[in-house]
Protein backbone atom coordinates (compact mmCIF):
# COMPACT_ATOMS: atom_id res chain seq x y z
CA UNK A 1 96.87 106.92 97.44
CA UNK A 2 99.28 106.14 100.63
CA UNK A 3 100.57 102.95 100.78
CA UNK A 4 99.10 102.57 104.60
CA UNK A 5 95.36 103.48 103.34
CA UNK A 6 95.22 101.73 100.08
CA UNK A 7 96.30 98.30 101.80
CA UNK A 8 93.47 98.86 103.96
CA UNK A 9 90.66 99.24 101.87
CA UNK A 10 87.87 96.97 102.85
CA UNK A 11 88.61 95.19 100.11
CA UNK A 12 86.74 91.50 101.91
CA UNK A 13 86.27 87.83 100.90
CA UNK A 14 82.46 87.37 100.11
CA UNK A 15 83.24 83.86 102.02
CA UNK A 16 82.01 82.66 103.85
CA UNK A 17 79.02 84.45 103.47
CA UNK A 18 77.88 84.32 107.11
CA UNK A 19 80.90 86.24 108.67
CA UNK A 20 81.01 88.27 105.36
CA UNK A 21 79.34 91.97 107.44
CA UNK A 22 81.50 91.57 110.39
CA UNK A 23 84.43 91.47 108.34
CA UNK A 24 83.81 94.05 106.19
CA UNK A 25 82.81 96.07 109.44
CA UNK A 26 86.27 94.90 110.91
CA UNK A 27 87.11 96.64 107.55
CA UNK A 28 85.89 99.75 107.03
CA UNK A 29 87.04 100.35 111.08
CA UNK A 30 90.79 99.31 110.38
CA UNK A 31 90.53 101.62 107.28
CA UNK A 32 88.90 104.95 109.72
CA UNK A 33 91.13 104.76 112.48
CA UNK A 34 94.28 104.13 109.49
CA UNK A 35 93.11 107.55 107.81
CA UNK A 36 92.65 109.26 111.22
CA UNK A 37 96.29 108.18 112.59
CA UNK A 38 97.32 110.09 109.00
CA UNK A 39 96.28 112.55 110.06
CA UNK A 40 98.17 113.10 112.92
CA UNK A 41 101.55 111.89 111.52
CA UNK A 42 100.93 114.70 109.55
CA UNK A 43 100.17 117.61 111.54
CA UNK A 44 103.01 116.37 113.72
CA UNK A 45 101.55 114.62 116.25
CA UNK A 46 102.47 111.49 115.34
CA UNK A 47 103.79 108.48 117.81
CA UNK A 48 107.50 108.76 116.63
CA UNK A 49 109.68 110.00 114.65
CA UNK A 50 112.33 109.64 112.21
CA UNK A 51 115.76 111.05 113.52
CA UNK A 52 118.42 109.56 110.61
CA UNK A 53 119.49 106.42 108.77
CA UNK A 54 121.65 103.54 109.90
CA UNK A 55 124.90 103.25 108.05
CA UNK A 56 123.48 99.71 106.86
CA UNK A 57 120.35 102.14 104.89
CA UNK A 58 117.71 101.42 108.01
CA UNK A 59 115.50 104.00 109.01
CA UNK A 60 116.42 104.79 112.73
CA UNK A 61 112.82 106.31 114.35
CA UNK A 62 112.52 107.62 117.96
CA UNK A 63 109.57 106.75 120.21
CA UNK A 64 107.58 110.17 121.75
CA UNK A 65 105.84 108.33 123.70
CA UNK A 66 105.55 104.68 125.72
CA UNK A 67 104.72 101.67 123.66
CA UNK A 68 105.09 98.61 123.39
CA UNK A 69 108.15 98.72 121.70
CA UNK A 70 109.98 100.94 124.36
CA UNK A 71 109.77 103.83 126.47
CA UNK A 72 109.63 107.29 125.38
CA UNK A 73 113.02 108.53 123.52
CA UNK A 74 113.85 104.99 122.43
CA UNK A 75 115.90 104.73 119.00
CA UNK A 76 114.29 101.98 116.58
CA UNK A 77 116.30 100.81 113.64
CA UNK A 78 113.20 99.25 110.83
CA UNK A 79 113.46 98.45 107.47
CA UNK A 80 113.58 101.52 104.34
CA UNK A 81 110.30 100.88 102.81
CA UNK A 82 106.56 101.93 102.32
CA UNK A 83 105.29 99.75 105.48
CA UNK A 84 107.78 99.94 108.59
CA UNK A 85 108.24 103.09 109.39
CA UNK A 86 104.77 105.11 108.83
CA UNK A 87 103.01 102.17 110.96
CA UNK A 88 105.46 102.32 113.57
CA UNK A 89 105.33 106.05 113.19
CA UNK A 90 101.39 106.40 113.53
CA UNK A 91 100.88 103.49 116.09
CA UNK A 92 104.14 103.59 117.86
CA UNK A 93 104.06 99.58 117.14
CA UNK A 94 104.43 96.97 115.20
CA UNK A 95 101.64 94.52 114.87
CA UNK A 96 100.64 93.03 118.23
CA UNK A 97 98.13 90.66 117.05
CA UNK A 98 99.85 87.57 118.65
CA UNK A 99 102.25 88.89 120.67
CA UNK A 100 100.00 88.08 124.03
CA UNK A 101 99.67 85.05 123.24
CA UNK A 102 103.50 84.04 122.60
CA UNK A 103 104.29 85.98 125.96
CA UNK A 104 101.28 83.77 127.52
CA UNK A 105 103.65 80.94 126.81
CA UNK A 106 106.90 82.40 127.40
CA UNK A 107 105.61 83.39 130.85
CA UNK A 108 104.13 80.47 132.08
CA UNK A 109 108.02 78.93 133.26
CA UNK A 110 111.13 80.93 133.55
CA UNK A 111 114.70 79.71 131.78
CA UNK A 112 111.70 79.56 128.90
CA UNK A 113 113.38 79.80 125.05
CA UNK A 114 111.69 82.17 122.38
CA UNK A 115 112.70 81.45 118.92
CA UNK A 116 111.77 83.91 116.20
CA UNK A 117 112.51 82.24 113.02
CA UNK A 118 112.86 84.96 110.19
CA UNK A 119 112.77 87.86 112.88
CA UNK A 120 113.13 90.59 110.82
CA UNK A 121 113.72 93.95 112.34
CA UNK A 122 112.88 91.62 115.44
CA UNK A 123 110.18 93.81 116.57
CA UNK A 124 107.63 90.92 117.45
CA UNK A 125 111.08 89.50 119.83
CA UNK A 126 111.42 92.98 121.28
CA UNK A 127 107.61 93.62 121.94
CA UNK A 128 107.25 90.00 123.97
CA UNK A 129 110.58 90.45 125.49
CA UNK A 130 109.47 93.75 127.02
CA UNK A 131 106.71 92.35 128.90
CA UNK A 132 107.90 88.82 129.77
CA UNK A 133 107.75 88.20 133.47
CA UNK A 134 110.93 86.32 133.94
CA UNK A 135 114.61 86.15 132.15
CA UNK A 136 114.24 84.05 128.96
CA UNK A 137 116.37 82.99 125.99
CA UNK A 138 115.88 84.71 122.98
CA UNK A 139 117.57 83.35 119.57
CA UNK A 140 116.67 84.90 116.25
CA UNK A 141 117.65 83.64 113.31
CA UNK A 142 117.43 86.18 110.29
CA UNK A 143 119.30 85.65 106.69
CA UNK A 144 119.18 90.02 105.37
CA UNK A 145 122.31 91.60 106.83
CA UNK A 146 120.69 94.60 107.50
CA UNK A 147 117.94 93.65 109.48
CA UNK A 148 120.42 91.55 111.53
CA UNK A 149 122.24 95.17 112.08
CA UNK A 150 118.64 96.51 112.99
CA UNK A 151 118.16 93.92 115.73
CA UNK A 152 120.95 93.87 117.43
CA UNK A 153 119.96 97.88 118.50
CA UNK A 154 116.84 96.71 118.66
CA UNK A 155 117.73 94.39 121.44
CA UNK A 156 120.18 95.78 122.58
CA UNK A 157 119.07 97.07 125.78
CA UNK A 158 117.06 93.45 126.32
CA UNK A 159 120.65 91.83 126.83
CA UNK A 160 121.07 93.03 130.20
CA UNK A 161 118.36 90.55 131.47
CA UNK A 162 117.92 87.66 128.53
CA UNK A 163 120.43 85.82 127.22
CA UNK A 164 120.02 86.94 123.59
CA UNK A 165 121.52 85.16 120.24
CA UNK A 166 121.26 86.29 116.70
CA UNK A 167 122.24 84.04 113.81
CA UNK A 168 122.73 85.50 110.67
CA UNK A 169 121.33 82.90 108.54
CA UNK A 170 118.07 80.80 106.51
CA UNK A 171 117.10 77.75 107.58
CA UNK A 172 116.42 75.11 105.16
CA UNK A 173 116.75 71.94 104.16
CA UNK A 174 120.69 71.80 103.30
CA UNK A 175 123.30 73.87 104.40
CA UNK A 176 125.19 75.63 101.90
CA UNK A 177 124.16 79.50 100.12
CA UNK A 178 121.23 80.15 98.50
CA UNK A 179 119.33 83.72 96.87
CA UNK A 180 116.80 85.13 99.22
CA UNK A 181 114.01 87.91 97.45
CA UNK A 182 113.35 91.18 98.84
CA UNK A 183 110.20 93.00 97.99
CA UNK A 184 111.16 96.99 98.25
CA UNK A 185 107.85 98.31 99.31
CA UNK A 186 108.02 95.91 102.68
CA UNK A 187 111.12 94.96 103.05
CA UNK A 188 109.25 92.14 106.15
CA UNK A 189 108.40 90.58 102.46
CA UNK A 190 111.89 89.02 102.40
CA UNK A 191 111.35 84.62 100.82
CA UNK A 192 113.56 82.12 99.75
CA UNK A 193 110.64 81.35 97.61
CA UNK A 194 109.73 84.16 94.37
CA UNK A 195 106.73 82.88 93.81
CA UNK A 196 105.61 84.93 96.86
CA UNK A 197 107.66 88.31 95.84
CA UNK A 198 106.74 90.72 93.62
CA UNK A 199 108.45 90.56 90.81
CA UNK A 200 108.59 93.80 89.45
CA UNK A 201 109.38 95.35 93.16
CA UNK A 202 112.32 93.06 94.37
CA UNK A 203 115.81 92.78 94.97
CA UNK A 204 117.80 89.37 95.96
CA UNK A 205 120.98 88.25 97.80
CA UNK A 206 122.75 86.17 98.29
CA UNK A 207 121.87 84.23 102.12
CA UNK A 208 123.63 81.84 104.37
CA UNK A 209 121.44 78.64 104.64
CA UNK A 210 121.56 76.05 107.74
CA UNK A 211 119.40 72.73 107.99
CA UNK A 212 117.10 73.13 110.15
CA UNK A 213 117.83 69.74 111.79
CA UNK A 214 121.10 70.49 112.12
CA UNK A 215 120.47 73.95 113.70
CA UNK A 216 117.67 72.26 116.21
CA UNK A 217 120.16 70.31 117.35
CA UNK A 218 122.47 72.08 118.12
CA UNK A 219 120.78 75.12 119.89
CA UNK A 220 117.36 73.49 121.18
CA UNK A 221 118.27 70.60 123.05
CA UNK A 222 118.93 72.14 125.91
CA UNK A 223 114.96 73.87 127.05
CA UNK A 224 112.34 71.95 128.07
CA UNK A 225 109.63 75.17 127.25
CA UNK A 226 110.39 76.50 123.92
CA UNK A 227 108.14 79.24 122.31
CA UNK A 228 108.18 79.29 118.61
CA UNK A 229 107.18 82.07 116.42
CA UNK A 230 107.48 81.48 112.30
CA UNK A 231 107.51 83.86 109.49
CA UNK A 232 109.67 82.82 106.63
CA UNK A 233 107.20 83.98 103.75
CA UNK A 234 106.30 80.14 102.66
CA UNK A 235 109.25 78.09 103.68
CA UNK A 236 108.05 77.61 107.11
CA UNK A 237 106.89 73.64 106.32
CA UNK A 238 110.22 72.90 104.84
CA UNK A 239 112.12 74.26 108.32
CA UNK A 240 109.44 73.28 110.62
CA UNK A 241 109.48 69.26 109.33
CA UNK A 242 112.73 68.91 109.59
CA UNK A 243 113.28 69.40 113.50
CA UNK A 244 113.50 66.59 115.68
CA UNK A 245 110.55 65.13 117.15
CA UNK A 246 112.66 65.36 120.93
CA UNK A 247 112.54 69.24 120.08
CA UNK A 248 109.02 69.21 118.97
CA UNK A 249 107.83 67.68 122.48
CA UNK A 250 109.54 70.99 124.05
CA UNK A 251 107.74 73.40 121.97
CA UNK A 252 104.90 74.21 123.82
CA UNK A 253 103.05 77.35 122.06
CA UNK A 254 103.73 78.44 118.39
CA UNK A 255 102.68 81.46 115.91
CA UNK A 256 103.35 79.78 112.28
CA UNK A 257 103.14 81.48 109.31
CA UNK A 258 100.74 79.08 107.25
CA UNK A 259 101.49 80.27 102.81
CA UNK A 260 98.93 78.00 100.78
CA UNK A 261 101.68 78.39 97.46
CA UNK A 262 102.55 75.72 94.65
CA UNK A 263 105.87 75.09 96.23
CA UNK A 264 104.64 73.51 99.44
CA UNK A 265 105.59 69.53 99.46
CA UNK A 266 102.50 67.56 101.06
CA UNK A 267 105.65 65.27 102.28
CA UNK A 268 106.49 68.38 104.77
CA UNK A 269 102.74 68.93 105.67
CA UNK A 270 101.67 65.54 106.31
CA UNK A 271 105.13 65.35 108.36
CA UNK A 272 103.78 67.94 110.86
CA UNK A 273 100.10 67.27 111.03
CA UNK A 274 101.70 63.87 112.64
CA UNK A 275 104.13 66.22 114.94
CA UNK A 276 101.06 68.66 116.20
CA UNK A 277 98.90 66.32 116.94
CA UNK A 278 100.38 66.48 120.56
CA UNK A 279 99.09 70.29 120.60
CA UNK A 280 94.82 70.45 122.08
CA UNK A 281 94.55 73.98 120.84
CA UNK A 282 95.05 75.10 117.32
CA UNK A 283 92.94 78.24 115.74
CA UNK A 284 93.45 80.60 113.29
CA UNK A 285 94.99 84.33 114.67
CA UNK A 286 92.18 86.41 115.93
CA UNK A 287 89.89 83.61 115.59
CA UNK A 288 88.16 81.66 118.61
CA UNK A 289 86.87 78.76 116.50
CA UNK A 290 89.27 75.52 117.18
CA UNK A 291 90.42 73.61 113.97
CA UNK A 292 91.22 70.12 112.73
CA UNK A 293 94.57 69.30 111.14
CA UNK A 294 93.08 68.16 108.39
CA UNK A 295 91.79 71.84 108.31
CA UNK A 296 94.94 73.28 108.43
CA UNK A 297 96.21 70.44 105.76
CA UNK A 298 93.60 71.04 103.49
CA UNK A 299 94.67 75.26 103.42
CA UNK A 300 97.90 74.92 103.35
CA UNK A 301 98.21 72.62 100.54
CA UNK A 302 95.28 74.62 98.47
CA UNK A 303 97.48 76.82 96.46
CA UNK A 304 94.99 79.19 96.72
CA UNK A 305 98.42 81.98 97.40
CA UNK A 306 96.73 82.89 100.70
CA UNK A 307 98.30 83.14 103.92
CA UNK A 308 97.21 83.03 107.87
CA UNK A 309 98.66 82.99 111.14
CA UNK A 310 98.39 79.67 113.21
CA UNK A 311 98.20 79.62 117.31
CA UNK A 312 99.16 76.05 118.43
CA UNK A 313 99.14 75.40 121.85
CA UNK A 314 99.04 72.75 124.58
């Protein structure tokens, strides 16, 4: 079965019961839409097409129409896996669910910084910066060499209007080197934690590490307005809890992927709960109900294996 269709099958957790029907119907609508786009793709009416491979093995796609990723004819480099090329060929864009949230924060003030930790191919930053009202600074942190090459291509034209810096490393609690694990079928799933990557479909590479505390002090202290996106497949608590409080005082909006896995340290989560007390709005992505930090903490430390995007704003 097609990979994208299979991952969108309407398998829905029954609880809470009061939202089960709406969640199930949402899944059904996504599946129907994906089947329709798959049919268009098969008859040659896709939003993008494959035109080759880069020397680092990334797939090169050319957009057949204007989209959040760029203008018609733009070339986008993505990992060669079962997820990225198919999704972009069908939809013409990457996941845009949190782009408007990040963009709204970036547009509040000129001379802002967008910090993208765990940038993969840079597609989220690309979609945000394509619509940004002001020239901004953007720092992308990504340790996998082939992903870094994709970022360099995908954001090349934006360098004429934005100050873009790319760092080939992973942030952690220390400096040095480490082993990062990569899922073959979904190369967006790369982590320093082996437990979040399926072992039968995994490879690993040695990458450079830098302490997130020193990275923040070296690259973030000159900005008064920072928009953060952190997606590191389980390392987020380690990384973000080590940002200095002075840096957190400048972060006005954030999207953080929360993984409830065994490796999460309670001390890191508790540190973040204290640092996040200043945010006025805390919600799950796609939701409208405000959360308490106690609810966030309970989910993060539940060891359920589930993950969600958390939105924080002033």
